[in-house]
Amino acid sequence: MSDQQVYTMRIHYLNSTVQTFVFPQQGEASSVSQRIDTMRKREDLLLHMEDRLMLIPKQSILRIEITPCPPAWPSDALHGVRLIKETK
């Protein structure tokens, strides 16, 4: 039995709030890119948690960071990018 990859997702909101979630790999590693594309097309981010379903309107989100980087990603993503400076 193989161990499932666990990802951390940080959601940065327009009001400067940050929420951090963890979740296991969803399906096969090769389906990650397709799942990301589907999420990008929705108006809301749906999170199924143990005790509730959370619906987050995307218009309230500044950015989402997922670590570690999934093994597959959408074809229109830039590859090999490094953040060299971030300012507030």
Protein backbone atom coordinates (compact mmCIF):
# COMPACT_ATOMS: atom_id res chain seq x y z
CA MET A 1 0.00 0.00 0.00
CA SER A 2 1.51 3.34 -1.06
CA ASP A 3 1.36 6.49 1.00
CA GLN A 4 -0.87 9.22 -0.36
CA GLN A 5 0.73 12.61 -0.94
CA VAL A 6 -0.59 15.30 1.40
CA TYR A 7 -0.77 18.87 0.09
CA THR A 8 -1.03 22.19 1.92
CA MET A 9 -3.25 24.86 0.41
CA ARG A 10 -2.99 28.47 1.56
CA ILE A 11 -5.81 30.76 0.45
CA HIS A 12 -5.00 34.47 0.56
CA TYR A 13 -8.14 36.61 0.60
CA LEU A 14 -8.60 40.18 -0.59
CA ASN A 15 -9.18 41.30 3.03
CA SER A 16 -5.65 40.04 3.98
CA THR A 17 -6.95 36.94 5.80
CA VAL A 18 -5.09 33.70 5.09
CA GLN A 19 -6.51 30.21 5.66
CA THR A 20 -4.39 27.07 5.51
CA PHE A 21 -5.84 23.65 4.66
CA VAL A 22 -4.33 20.20 4.15
CA PHE A 23 -5.73 17.54 1.86
CA PRO A 24 -4.64 14.18 0.41
CA GLN A 25 -3.99 13.64 -3.27
CA GLN A 26 -7.29 13.52 -5.14
CA GLY A 27 -7.35 10.54 -7.52
CA GLU A 28 -4.39 9.63 -9.71
CA ALA A 29 -1.40 11.95 -9.92
CA SER A 30 -2.06 12.34 -13.66
CA SER A 31 -5.53 13.80 -12.98
CA VAL A 32 -4.22 16.77 -10.94
CA SER A 33 -3.95 18.99 -14.01
CA GLN A 34 -7.53 18.21 -15.06
CA ARG A 35 -8.82 18.88 -11.52
CA ILE A 36 -7.03 22.26 -11.40
CA ASP A 37 -8.53 23.21 -14.79
CA THR A 38 -12.01 22.29 -13.51
CA MET A 39 -11.50 24.37 -10.35
CA ARG A 40 -10.39 27.37 -12.43
CA LYS A 41 -13.66 27.29 -14.40
CA ARG A 42 -15.93 27.31 -11.32
CA GLU A 43 -17.13 30.52 -9.69
CA ASP A 44 -16.66 29.05 -6.21
CA LEU A 45 -14.04 26.89 -4.55
CA LEU A 46 -15.72 23.83 -2.99
CA LEU A 47 -14.02 22.20 -0.01
CA HIS A 48 -15.47 19.02 1.45
CA MET A 49 -14.36 18.86 5.08
CA GLU A 50 -15.11 16.25 7.74
CA ASP A 51 -18.02 18.15 9.26
CA ARG A 52 -19.10 20.55 6.50
CA LEU A 53 -18.95 21.64 2.89
CA MET A 54 -17.29 25.03 2.47
CA LEU A 55 -18.10 27.17 -0.55
CA ILE A 56 -15.68 30.08 -1.05
CA PRO A 57 -16.55 32.68 -3.71
CA LYS A 58 -13.53 33.10 -5.98
CA GLN A 59 -14.06 36.85 -6.19
CA SER A 60 -12.95 37.04 -2.53
CA ILE A 61 -9.66 35.20 -3.24
CA LEU A 62 -6.42 37.01 -4.05
CA ARG A 63 -4.37 33.86 -4.66
CA ILE A 64 -4.06 30.17 -3.79
CA GLU A 65 -0.76 28.42 -3.08
CA ILE A 66 -0.44 24.62 -3.10
CA THR A 67 2.67 22.90 -1.76
CA PRO A 68 4.41 20.73 -2.64
CA CYS A 69 3.98 21.41 -6.32
CA PRO A 70 1.68 18.74 -7.81
CA PRO A 71 3.31 16.33 -10.28
CA ALA A 72 1.01 17.51 -13.08
CA TRP A 73 -0.33 20.98 -13.82
CA PRO A 74 -2.27 22.79 -16.56
CA SER A 75 -0.40 23.21 -19.84
CA ASP A 76 -0.74 27.01 -19.74
CA ALA A 77 1.24 27.25 -16.46
CA LEU A 78 4.70 28.82 -16.61
CA HIS A 79 7.38 26.30 -15.62
CA GLY A 80 10.66 26.82 -13.77
CA VAL A 81 9.56 30.13 -12.21
CA ARG A 82 11.37 31.36 -9.07
CA LEU A 83 10.09 34.08 -6.76
CA ILE A 84 12.98 36.44 -6.11
CA LYS A 85 11.21 39.28 -4.28
CA GLU A 86 7.84 39.91 -2.68
CA THR A 87 6.76 43.25 -1.27
CA LYS A 88 3.71 44.39 0.66
